[in-house]
C-alpha atoms as a PDB file:
ATOM      1  CA  ALA A   1       0.106  -0.079  -0.043  1.00  0.00           C
ATOM      2  CA  GLN A   2       2.719   2.668   0.496  1.00  0.00           C
ATOM      3  CA  LEU A   3       4.526   2.254  -2.134  1.00  0.00           C
ATOM      4  CA  THR A   4       1.155   2.589  -4.231  1.00  0.00           C
ATOM      5  CA  ALA A   5       0.466   5.093  -2.479  1.00  0.00           C
ATOM      6  CA  HIS A   6       4.096   6.673  -3.446  1.00  0.00           C
ATOM      7  CA  HIS A   7       3.355   6.037  -7.357  1.00  0.00           C
ATOM      8  CA  LYS A   8       6.184   3.653  -6.391  1.00  0.00           C
ATOM      9  CA  ALA A   9       6.237  -0.243  -9.034  1.00  0.00           C
ATOM     10  CA  ALA A  10       7.142  -3.490  -7.721  1.00  0.00           C
ATOM     11  CA  VAL A  11       8.434  -6.736  -8.957  1.00  0.00           C
ATOM     12  CA  LEU A  12       7.350 -10.053  -7.355  1.00  0.00           C
ATOM     13  CA  LEU A  13       9.411 -13.459  -8.296  1.00  0.00           C
ATOM     14  CA  GLY A  14       8.963 -16.538  -5.948  1.00  0.00           C
ATOM     15  CA  ASP A  15       7.015 -17.483  -3.358  1.00  0.00           C
ATOM     16  CA  ASP A  16       3.364 -16.548  -4.074  1.00  0.00           C
ATOM     17  CA  THR A  17       2.404 -15.778  -0.489  1.00  0.00           C
ATOM     18  CA  TRP A  18       3.170 -12.117  -1.437  1.00  0.00           C
ATOM     19  CA  LEU A  19      -0.168 -12.401  -3.770  1.00  0.00           C
ATOM     20  CA  GLN A  20      -1.923 -12.957  -1.234  1.00  0.00           C
ATOM     21  CA  LEU A  21      -0.561 -10.591   1.038  1.00  0.00           C
ATOM     22  CA  PHE A  22      -0.441  -7.788  -1.353  1.00  0.00           C
ATOM     23  CA  PRO A  23      -3.475  -8.309  -3.501  1.00  0.00           C
ATOM     24  CA  SER A  24      -4.782  -6.340  -6.649  1.00  0.00           C
ATOM     25  CA  VAL A  25      -6.169  -2.887  -5.215  1.00  0.00           C
ATOM     26  CA  GLU A  26      -9.321  -1.709  -7.953  1.00  0.00           C
ATOM     27  CA  GLY A  27      -7.905  -3.623 -10.822  1.00  0.00           C
ATOM     28  CA  GLY A  28      -4.293  -1.718 -10.372  1.00  0.00           C
ATOM     29  CA  GLY A  29      -2.259  -4.408  -8.994  1.00  0.00           C
ATOM     30  CA  SER A  30      -0.017  -4.386  -6.094  1.00  0.00           C
ATOM     31  CA  PHE A  31       2.951  -5.575  -8.666  1.00  0.00           C
ATOM     32  CA  VAL A  32       3.855  -4.218 -12.531  1.00  0.00           C
ATOM     33  CA  ARG A  33       5.153  -7.846 -12.902  1.00  0.00           C
ATOM     34  CA  ALA A  34       4.763 -11.147 -10.519  1.00  0.00           C
ATOM     35  CA  ARG A  35       6.737 -14.415 -11.231  1.00  0.00           C
ATOM     36  CA  PRO A  36       4.748 -16.375  -8.550  1.00  0.00           C
ATOM     37  CA  PHE A  37       5.277 -20.039  -7.424  1.00  0.00           C
ATOM     38  CA  SER A  38       3.927 -22.597  -4.923  1.00  0.00           C
ATOM     39  CA  SER A  39       5.404 -22.021  -1.648  1.00  0.00           C
ATOM     40  CA  PHE A  40       4.000 -25.142   0.293  1.00  0.00           C
ATOM     41  CA  ASP A  41       6.020 -28.165  -1.519  1.00  0.00           C
ATOM     42  CA  VAL A  42       8.603 -28.109   0.989  1.00  0.00           C
ATOM     43  CA  TRP A  43      10.027 -31.516  -0.310  1.00  0.00           C
ATOM     44  CA  ASP A  44      10.765 -29.650  -3.614  1.00  0.00           C
ATOM     45  CA  LEU A  45      14.125 -27.345  -3.132  1.00  0.00           C
ATOM     46  CA  HIS A  46      14.293 -26.841  -6.674  1.00  0.00           C
ATOM     47  CA  THR A  47      11.729 -25.567  -8.582  1.00  0.00           C
ATOM     48  CA  VAL A  48      11.024 -21.605  -6.539  1.00  0.00           C
ATOM     49  CA  ASP A  49      15.032 -20.585  -6.550  1.00  0.00           C
ATOM     50  CA  GLU A  50      15.292 -22.053 -10.085  1.00  0.00           C
ATOM     51  CA  GLY A  51      12.404 -20.102 -11.539  1.00  0.00           C
ATOM     52  CA  ILE A  52      13.550 -16.726  -9.511  1.00  0.00           C
ATOM     53  CA  LEU A  53      16.799 -17.439 -10.956  1.00  0.00           C
ATOM     54  CA  GLU A  54      15.290 -17.557 -15.463  1.00  0.00           C
ATOM     55  CA  SER A  55      14.496 -13.757 -14.689  1.00  0.00           C
ATOM     56  CA  LEU A  56      16.040 -12.349 -12.036  1.00  0.00           C
ATOM     57  CA  TYR A  57      18.804 -11.063 -13.525  1.00  0.00           C
ATOM     58  CA  GLU A  58      16.701  -9.504 -16.025  1.00  0.00           C
ATOM     59  CA  GLU A  59      15.069  -7.560 -13.695  1.00  0.00           C
ATOM     60  CA  ILE A  60      17.490  -6.258 -12.189  1.00  0.00           C
ATOM     61  CA  ILE A  61      18.483  -4.023 -15.408  1.00  0.00           C
ATOM     62  CA  ARG A  62      15.259  -3.322 -16.060  1.00  0.00           C
ATOM     63  CA  ASP A  63      14.640   0.535 -15.090  1.00  0.00           C
ATOM     64  CA  ASP A  64      10.042  -0.156 -14.354  1.00  0.00           C
ATOM     65  CA  HIS A  65      10.385  -0.903 -11.108  1.00  0.00           C
ATOM     66  CA  ASP A  66      11.766   0.589  -7.674  1.00  0.00           C
ATOM     67  CA  LEU A  67      11.465  -2.609  -5.275  1.00  0.00           C
ATOM     68  CA  LEU A  68      12.229  -6.385  -6.631  1.00  0.00           C
ATOM     69  CA  ILE A  69      11.578  -8.574  -4.574  1.00  0.00           C
ATOM     70  CA  ALA A  70      12.939 -12.224  -4.571  1.00  0.00           C
ATOM     71  CA  HIS A  71      11.772 -14.570  -2.577  1.00  0.00           C
ATOM     72  CA  PHE A  72      14.113 -18.102  -2.579  1.00  0.00           C
ATOM     73  CA  LEU A  73      12.500 -20.651  -0.553  1.00  0.00           C
ATOM     74  CA  GLY A  74      15.157 -23.326  -1.130  1.00  0.00           C
ATOM     75  CA  VAL A  75      16.963 -22.347   1.900  1.00  0.00           C
ATOM     76  CA  ASP A  76      13.628 -22.300   4.457  1.00  0.00           C
ATOM     77  CA  HIS A  77      12.255 -25.663   2.702  1.00  0.00           C
ATOM     78  CA  ALA A  78      15.955 -27.539   3.125  1.00  0.00           C
ATOM     79  CA  GLY A  79      15.892 -26.473   6.798  1.00  0.00           C
ATOM     80  CA  HIS A  80      12.067 -28.242   6.996  1.00  0.00           C
ATOM     81  CA  ARG A  81      12.504 -31.303   5.629  1.00  0.00           C
ATOM     82  CA  HIS A  82      16.456 -32.053   6.629  1.00  0.00           C
ATOM     83  CA  GLY A  83      17.111 -29.330   8.970  1.00  0.00           C
ATOM     84  CA  PRO A  84      20.118 -27.445   9.568  1.00  0.00           C
ATOM     85  CA  LEU A  85      23.667 -29.378   8.978  1.00  0.00           C
ATOM     86  CA  HIS A  86      22.254 -31.644   6.304  1.00  0.00           C
ATOM     87  CA  PRO A  87      24.055 -30.814   2.614  1.00  0.00           C
ATOM     88  CA  ALA A  88      21.157 -30.110   1.047  1.00  0.00           C
ATOM     89  CA  MET A  89      21.181 -27.229   3.487  1.00  0.00           C
ATOM     90  CA  THR A  90      24.666 -26.905   2.372  1.00  0.00           C
ATOM     91  CA  ALA A  91      24.429 -27.120  -1.319  1.00  0.00           C
ATOM     92  CA  LYS A  92      21.153 -24.231  -0.706  1.00  0.00           C
ATOM     93  CA  LEU A  93      22.806 -21.992   1.070  1.00  0.00           C
ATOM     94  CA  ALA A  94      26.171 -22.223  -1.279  1.00  0.00           C
ATOM     95  CA  GLN A  95      23.739 -21.333  -4.009  1.00  0.00           C
ATOM     96  CA  LEU A  96      22.200 -18.252  -2.957  1.00  0.00           C
ATOM     97  CA  GLU A  97      25.696 -16.964  -1.408  1.00  0.00           C
ATOM     98  CA  ALA A  98      26.608 -17.393  -5.199  1.00  0.00           C
ATOM     99  CA  VAL A  99      23.271 -15.821  -6.194  1.00  0.00           C
ATOM    100  CA  LEU A 100      23.618 -12.321  -3.793  1.00  0.00           C
ATOM    101  CA  THR A 101      27.124 -12.284  -4.478  1.00  0.00           C
ATOM    102  CA  GLU A 102      26.300 -11.742  -8.348  1.00  0.00           C
ATOM    103  CA  VAL A 103      23.340  -9.465  -7.629  1.00  0.00           C
ATOM    104  CA  TYR A 104      26.132  -7.145  -5.380  1.00  0.00           C
ATOM    105  CA  ARG A 105      28.744  -7.763  -8.382  1.00  0.00           C
ATOM    106  CA  ARG A 106      25.432  -6.314 -10.892  1.00  0.00           C
END
């Protein structure tokens, strides 16, 4: 609501819960673009994260939004499914660290 009130635009990549929290208001929409993925399959560590990565770097360079939300779920799902010390958690943390490094680099 604050973004809309200040004529700012947001893009959503990832967890579809955001669409429930910030639904369209009078047809205007909360997001100029959204690529939502279901967040309820905690057994799936990769679909949401890979889906975000398909468009994340392209979205970063676009200039039609003020906020980019990229809500990755792999680390959360790995924690629920395997716990913090499992190799799957280590792999997801390494993937997210690489993504953040690349986002910072750009």
